[in-house]
Amino acid sequence: MQRDNDTRPTRSRAHALSIEDRSRILITDVEDVESFNETEVLLMTGVGGLSITGEGLHISRLNLDEGQLVVEGLISGVEYEQNRETAEGGFFSRIFR
């Protein structure tokens, strides 16, 4: 991210999420993958935390330079992190169980 003169962050990539047949999800503007296993993938995007849940999940492509992530498996849910100031037991509490 770059900052302009008034110190507000400006994003260099657009965030997008595309799900194909509940078996493949493509996400752009990915900054980091916090954790993953066969039932949950936790990641950070330019718009905040994101949780993908399902069965048999695996990362088939990860390119942080381009900000792209592809996850395959049976996708049952996608949830964005709530505002960090108001979230109780949100995204990061699940990472640090």
N, C-alpha and C. Protein backbone atom coordinates (compact mmCIF):
# COMPACT_ATOMS: atom_id res chain seq x y z
N MET A 1 0.83 -1.18 0.00
CA MET A 1 0.00 0.00 0.00
C MET A 1 0.87 1.24 0.00
N GLN A 2 0.39 2.25 -0.70
CA GLN A 2 1.07 3.53 -0.70
C GLN A 2 0.21 4.53 0.06
N ARG A 3 0.86 5.55 0.58
CA ARG A 3 0.12 6.59 1.31
C ARG A 3 0.22 7.90 0.55
N ASP A 4 -0.90 8.65 0.53
CA ASP A 4 -0.86 9.96 -0.10
C ASP A 4 -0.55 11.02 0.96
N ASN A 5 -0.63 12.29 0.59
CA ASN A 5 -0.22 13.37 1.50
C ASN A 5 -1.01 13.45 2.79
N ASP A 6 -2.28 13.02 2.79
CA ASP A 6 -3.05 13.10 4.03
C ASP A 6 -2.95 11.81 4.86
N THR A 7 -1.99 10.97 4.58
CA THR A 7 -1.63 9.75 5.31
C THR A 7 -2.71 8.67 5.31
N ARG A 8 -3.74 8.80 4.50
CA ARG A 8 -4.70 7.71 4.36
C ARG A 8 -4.14 6.70 3.39
N PRO A 9 -4.29 5.39 3.68
CA PRO A 9 -3.75 4.39 2.77
C PRO A 9 -4.49 4.40 1.43
N THR A 10 -3.75 4.20 0.36
CA THR A 10 -4.35 4.01 -0.95
C THR A 10 -3.97 2.62 -1.44
N ARG A 11 -4.91 1.95 -2.05
CA ARG A 11 -4.67 0.58 -2.49
C ARG A 11 -4.18 0.57 -3.92
N SER A 12 -3.24 -0.31 -4.20
CA SER A 12 -2.70 -0.40 -5.54
C SER A 12 -3.39 -1.49 -6.35
N ARG A 13 -4.15 -2.40 -5.72
CA ARG A 13 -4.83 -3.48 -6.42
C ARG A 13 -6.30 -3.49 -6.04
N ALA A 14 -7.10 -3.98 -6.95
CA ALA A 14 -8.53 -4.13 -6.66
C ALA A 14 -8.77 -5.48 -5.99
N HIS A 15 -9.66 -5.50 -5.02
CA HIS A 15 -10.03 -6.75 -4.36
C HIS A 15 -11.21 -7.36 -5.10
N ALA A 16 -11.10 -8.64 -5.41
CA ALA A 16 -12.19 -9.36 -6.07
C ALA A 16 -12.20 -10.79 -5.55
N LEU A 17 -13.38 -11.38 -5.59
CA LEU A 17 -13.56 -12.75 -5.13
C LEU A 17 -14.50 -13.42 -6.12
N SER A 18 -14.10 -14.59 -6.62
CA SER A 18 -14.91 -15.30 -7.60
C SER A 18 -14.97 -16.78 -7.20
N ILE A 19 -16.18 -17.31 -7.09
CA ILE A 19 -16.37 -18.72 -6.72
C ILE A 19 -16.97 -19.45 -7.91
N GLU A 20 -16.36 -20.58 -8.27
CA GLU A 20 -16.84 -21.41 -9.37
C GLU A 20 -17.37 -22.73 -8.81
N ASP A 21 -18.65 -22.97 -8.98
CA ASP A 21 -19.29 -24.25 -8.61
C ASP A 21 -19.00 -24.71 -7.19
N ARG A 22 -18.80 -23.78 -6.27
CA ARG A 22 -18.48 -24.11 -4.87
C ARG A 22 -17.25 -25.00 -4.73
N SER A 23 -16.44 -25.11 -5.78
CA SER A 23 -15.27 -25.98 -5.72
C SER A 23 -13.96 -25.24 -5.96
N ARG A 24 -14.03 -23.97 -6.37
CA ARG A 24 -12.81 -23.20 -6.65
C ARG A 24 -13.10 -21.74 -6.36
N ILE A 25 -12.20 -21.11 -5.64
CA ILE A 25 -12.36 -19.69 -5.32
C ILE A 25 -11.06 -18.96 -5.70
N LEU A 26 -11.22 -17.86 -6.42
CA LEU A 26 -10.10 -17.01 -6.81
C LEU A 26 -10.25 -15.68 -6.08
N ILE A 27 -9.20 -15.25 -5.40
CA ILE A 27 -9.23 -14.01 -4.63
C ILE A 27 -8.05 -13.16 -5.07
N THR A 28 -8.30 -11.87 -5.29
CA THR A 28 -7.23 -10.93 -5.61
C THR A 28 -7.06 -9.94 -4.47
N ASP A 29 -5.97 -9.24 -4.47
CA ASP A 29 -5.60 -8.28 -3.43
C ASP A 29 -5.26 -9.00 -2.12
N VAL A 30 -4.70 -10.21 -2.23
CA VAL A 30 -4.29 -10.99 -1.06
C VAL A 30 -2.93 -10.49 -0.60
N GLU A 31 -2.83 -10.20 0.70
CA GLU A 31 -1.58 -9.72 1.28
C GLU A 31 -0.82 -10.81 2.01
N ASP A 32 -1.54 -11.75 2.64
CA ASP A 32 -0.87 -12.81 3.41
C ASP A 32 -1.87 -13.92 3.71
N VAL A 33 -1.38 -15.15 3.81
CA VAL A 33 -2.18 -16.28 4.28
C VAL A 33 -1.74 -16.54 5.71
N GLU A 34 -2.66 -16.34 6.66
CA GLU A 34 -2.34 -16.48 8.08
C GLU A 34 -2.25 -17.95 8.49
N SER A 35 -3.20 -18.77 8.03
CA SER A 35 -3.17 -20.21 8.33
C SER A 35 -4.10 -20.92 7.36
N PHE A 36 -3.89 -22.22 7.24
CA PHE A 36 -4.77 -23.01 6.38
C PHE A 36 -4.70 -24.48 6.79
N ASN A 37 -5.81 -25.15 6.59
CA ASN A 37 -5.89 -26.60 6.73
C ASN A 37 -7.01 -27.08 5.82
N GLU A 38 -7.44 -28.32 5.93
CA GLU A 38 -8.44 -28.86 5.02
C GLU A 38 -9.84 -28.30 5.24
N THR A 39 -10.07 -27.59 6.36
CA THR A 39 -11.41 -27.08 6.64
C THR A 39 -11.49 -25.55 6.71
N GLU A 40 -10.34 -24.85 6.78
CA GLU A 40 -10.39 -23.39 6.88
C GLU A 40 -9.11 -22.76 6.36
N VAL A 41 -9.28 -21.67 5.62
CA VAL A 41 -8.15 -20.85 5.15
C VAL A 41 -8.40 -19.45 5.68
N LEU A 42 -7.43 -18.90 6.42
CA LEU A 42 -7.52 -17.54 6.96
C LEU A 42 -6.48 -16.68 6.26
N LEU A 43 -6.92 -15.55 5.72
CA LEU A 43 -6.00 -14.70 4.98
C LEU A 43 -6.31 -13.24 5.20
N MET A 44 -5.34 -12.41 4.84
CA MET A 44 -5.50 -10.96 4.90
C MET A 44 -5.52 -10.43 3.48
N THR A 45 -6.48 -9.53 3.23
CA THR A 45 -6.58 -8.86 1.94
C THR A 45 -6.43 -7.36 2.18
N GLY A 46 -6.43 -6.61 1.12
CA GLY A 46 -6.36 -5.17 1.24
C GLY A 46 -7.56 -4.56 1.92
N VAL A 47 -8.67 -5.32 2.00
CA VAL A 47 -9.89 -4.81 2.65
C VAL A 47 -10.13 -5.47 4.00
N GLY A 48 -9.17 -6.28 4.49
CA GLY A 48 -9.29 -6.90 5.81
C GLY A 48 -9.18 -8.41 5.76
N GLY A 49 -9.47 -9.02 6.91
CA GLY A 49 -9.37 -10.46 7.05
C GLY A 49 -10.50 -11.19 6.34
N LEU A 50 -10.19 -12.41 5.91
CA LEU A 50 -11.16 -13.23 5.19
C LEU A 50 -10.97 -14.67 5.62
N SER A 51 -12.08 -15.35 5.86
CA SER A 51 -12.08 -16.75 6.25
C SER A 51 -12.85 -17.55 5.20
N ILE A 52 -12.25 -18.62 4.72
CA ILE A 52 -12.90 -19.54 3.79
C ILE A 52 -13.03 -20.87 4.52
N THR A 53 -14.24 -21.41 4.58
CA THR A 53 -14.45 -22.70 5.24
C THR A 53 -14.99 -23.71 4.25
N GLY A 54 -14.75 -24.98 4.55
CA GLY A 54 -15.22 -26.04 3.67
C GLY A 54 -14.61 -27.37 4.03
N GLU A 55 -14.55 -28.25 3.03
CA GLU A 55 -13.98 -29.58 3.21
C GLU A 55 -12.97 -29.85 2.10
N GLY A 56 -11.89 -30.51 2.46
CA GLY A 56 -10.87 -30.86 1.48
C GLY A 56 -10.23 -29.65 0.81
N LEU A 57 -10.12 -28.55 1.55
CA LEU A 57 -9.56 -27.33 0.98
C LEU A 57 -8.05 -27.46 0.80
N HIS A 58 -7.57 -26.97 -0.32
CA HIS A 58 -6.13 -26.89 -0.55
C HIS A 58 -5.84 -25.67 -1.42
N ILE A 59 -4.69 -25.09 -1.20
CA ILE A 59 -4.26 -23.93 -1.96
C ILE A 59 -3.59 -24.44 -3.23
N SER A 60 -4.20 -24.14 -4.37
CA SER A 60 -3.63 -24.60 -5.63
C SER A 60 -2.75 -23.54 -6.29
N ARG A 61 -2.93 -22.28 -5.86
CA ARG A 61 -2.05 -21.21 -6.36
C ARG A 61 -1.98 -20.10 -5.34
N LEU A 62 -0.77 -19.63 -5.08
CA LEU A 62 -0.55 -18.49 -4.21
C LEU A 62 0.58 -17.66 -4.81
N ASN A 63 0.27 -16.41 -5.14
CA ASN A 63 1.28 -15.50 -5.65
C ASN A 63 1.08 -14.16 -4.94
N LEU A 64 1.84 -13.95 -3.88
CA LEU A 64 1.69 -12.72 -3.09
C LEU A 64 2.21 -11.50 -3.83
N ASP A 65 3.15 -11.68 -4.76
CA ASP A 65 3.63 -10.55 -5.55
C ASP A 65 2.49 -9.97 -6.40
N GLU A 66 1.64 -10.85 -6.92
CA GLU A 66 0.49 -10.41 -7.72
C GLU A 66 -0.78 -10.30 -6.87
N GLY A 67 -0.72 -10.79 -5.62
CA GLY A 67 -1.88 -10.72 -4.74
C GLY A 67 -2.97 -11.70 -5.09
N GLN A 68 -2.62 -12.85 -5.66
CA GLN A 68 -3.62 -13.83 -6.09
C GLN A 68 -3.55 -15.12 -5.28
N LEU A 69 -4.74 -15.65 -4.98
CA LEU A 69 -4.86 -16.91 -4.27
C LEU A 69 -5.98 -17.72 -4.91
N VAL A 70 -5.73 -19.01 -5.13
CA VAL A 70 -6.76 -19.93 -5.60
C VAL A 70 -6.84 -21.07 -4.61
N VAL A 71 -8.05 -21.32 -4.10
CA VAL A 71 -8.30 -22.41 -3.17
C VAL A 71 -9.30 -23.35 -3.83
N GLU A 72 -9.03 -24.65 -3.74
CA GLU A 72 -9.94 -25.65 -4.30
C GLU A 72 -10.41 -26.58 -3.21
N GLY A 73 -11.58 -27.17 -3.40
CA GLY A 73 -12.21 -28.06 -2.44
C GLY A 73 -13.69 -27.72 -2.37
N LEU A 74 -14.41 -28.31 -1.44
CA LEU A 74 -15.83 -28.00 -1.27
C LEU A 74 -15.96 -26.76 -0.38
N ILE A 75 -16.36 -25.65 -0.96
CA ILE A 75 -16.44 -24.38 -0.24
C ILE A 75 -17.83 -24.24 0.37
N SER A 76 -17.87 -24.08 1.70
CA SER A 76 -19.17 -23.95 2.37
C SER A 76 -19.42 -22.55 2.92
N GLY A 77 -18.37 -21.73 3.05
CA GLY A 77 -18.57 -20.39 3.59
C GLY A 77 -17.41 -19.47 3.32
N VAL A 78 -17.75 -18.18 3.20
CA VAL A 78 -16.76 -17.12 3.06
C VAL A 78 -17.22 -15.99 3.98
N GLU A 79 -16.33 -15.56 4.87
CA GLU A 79 -16.71 -14.53 5.83
C GLU A 79 -15.61 -13.50 5.96
N TYR A 80 -16.00 -12.22 5.82
CA TYR A 80 -15.05 -11.13 6.03
C TYR A 80 -14.99 -10.79 7.51
N GLU A 81 -13.81 -10.35 7.95
CA GLU A 81 -13.61 -9.92 9.32
C GLU A 81 -14.44 -8.67 9.59
N GLN A 82 -14.99 -8.59 10.79
CA GLN A 82 -15.69 -7.37 11.20
C GLN A 82 -14.67 -6.29 11.48
N ASN A 83 -15.16 -5.07 11.63
CA ASN A 83 -14.31 -3.96 12.00
C ASN A 83 -13.53 -4.34 13.26
N ARG A 84 -12.24 -4.19 13.24
CA ARG A 84 -11.39 -4.63 14.37
C ARG A 84 -11.74 -3.95 15.68
N GLU A 85 -12.19 -2.70 15.64
CA GLU A 85 -12.52 -1.99 16.88
C GLU A 85 -13.78 -2.54 17.53
N THR A 86 -14.70 -3.12 16.73
CA THR A 86 -15.97 -3.57 17.29
C THR A 86 -16.09 -5.09 17.37
N ALA A 87 -15.18 -5.81 16.75
CA ALA A 87 -15.29 -7.27 16.74
C ALA A 87 -14.90 -7.86 18.08
N GLU A 88 -15.72 -8.77 18.56
CA GLU A 88 -15.38 -9.52 19.77
C GLU A 88 -15.18 -10.97 19.37
N GLY A 89 -13.97 -11.47 19.60
CA GLY A 89 -13.70 -12.86 19.25
C GLY A 89 -13.80 -13.10 17.75
N GLY A 90 -13.32 -12.16 16.95
CA GLY A 90 -13.44 -12.26 15.51
C GLY A 90 -12.32 -13.04 14.86
N PHE A 91 -11.92 -12.58 13.71
CA PHE A 91 -10.96 -13.25 12.84
C PHE A 91 -9.67 -13.66 13.55
N PHE A 92 -9.02 -12.72 14.23
CA PHE A 92 -7.74 -13.02 14.84
C PHE A 92 -7.85 -13.92 16.06
N SER A 93 -8.98 -13.92 16.75
CA SER A 93 -9.12 -14.82 17.89
C SER A 93 -9.16 -16.27 17.42
N ARG A 94 -9.63 -16.49 16.19
CA ARG A 94 -9.65 -17.86 15.65
C ARG A 94 -8.25 -18.30 15.26
N ILE A 95 -7.39 -17.36 14.85
CA ILE A 95 -6.02 -17.71 14.49
C ILE A 95 -5.25 -18.14 15.74
N PHE A 96 -5.46 -17.44 16.85
CA PHE A 96 -4.69 -17.66 18.07
C PHE A 96 -5.50 -18.41 19.12
N ARG A 97 -6.12 -19.52 18.73
CA ARG A 97 -6.92 -20.32 19.66
C ARG A 97 -6.05 -20.98 20.68
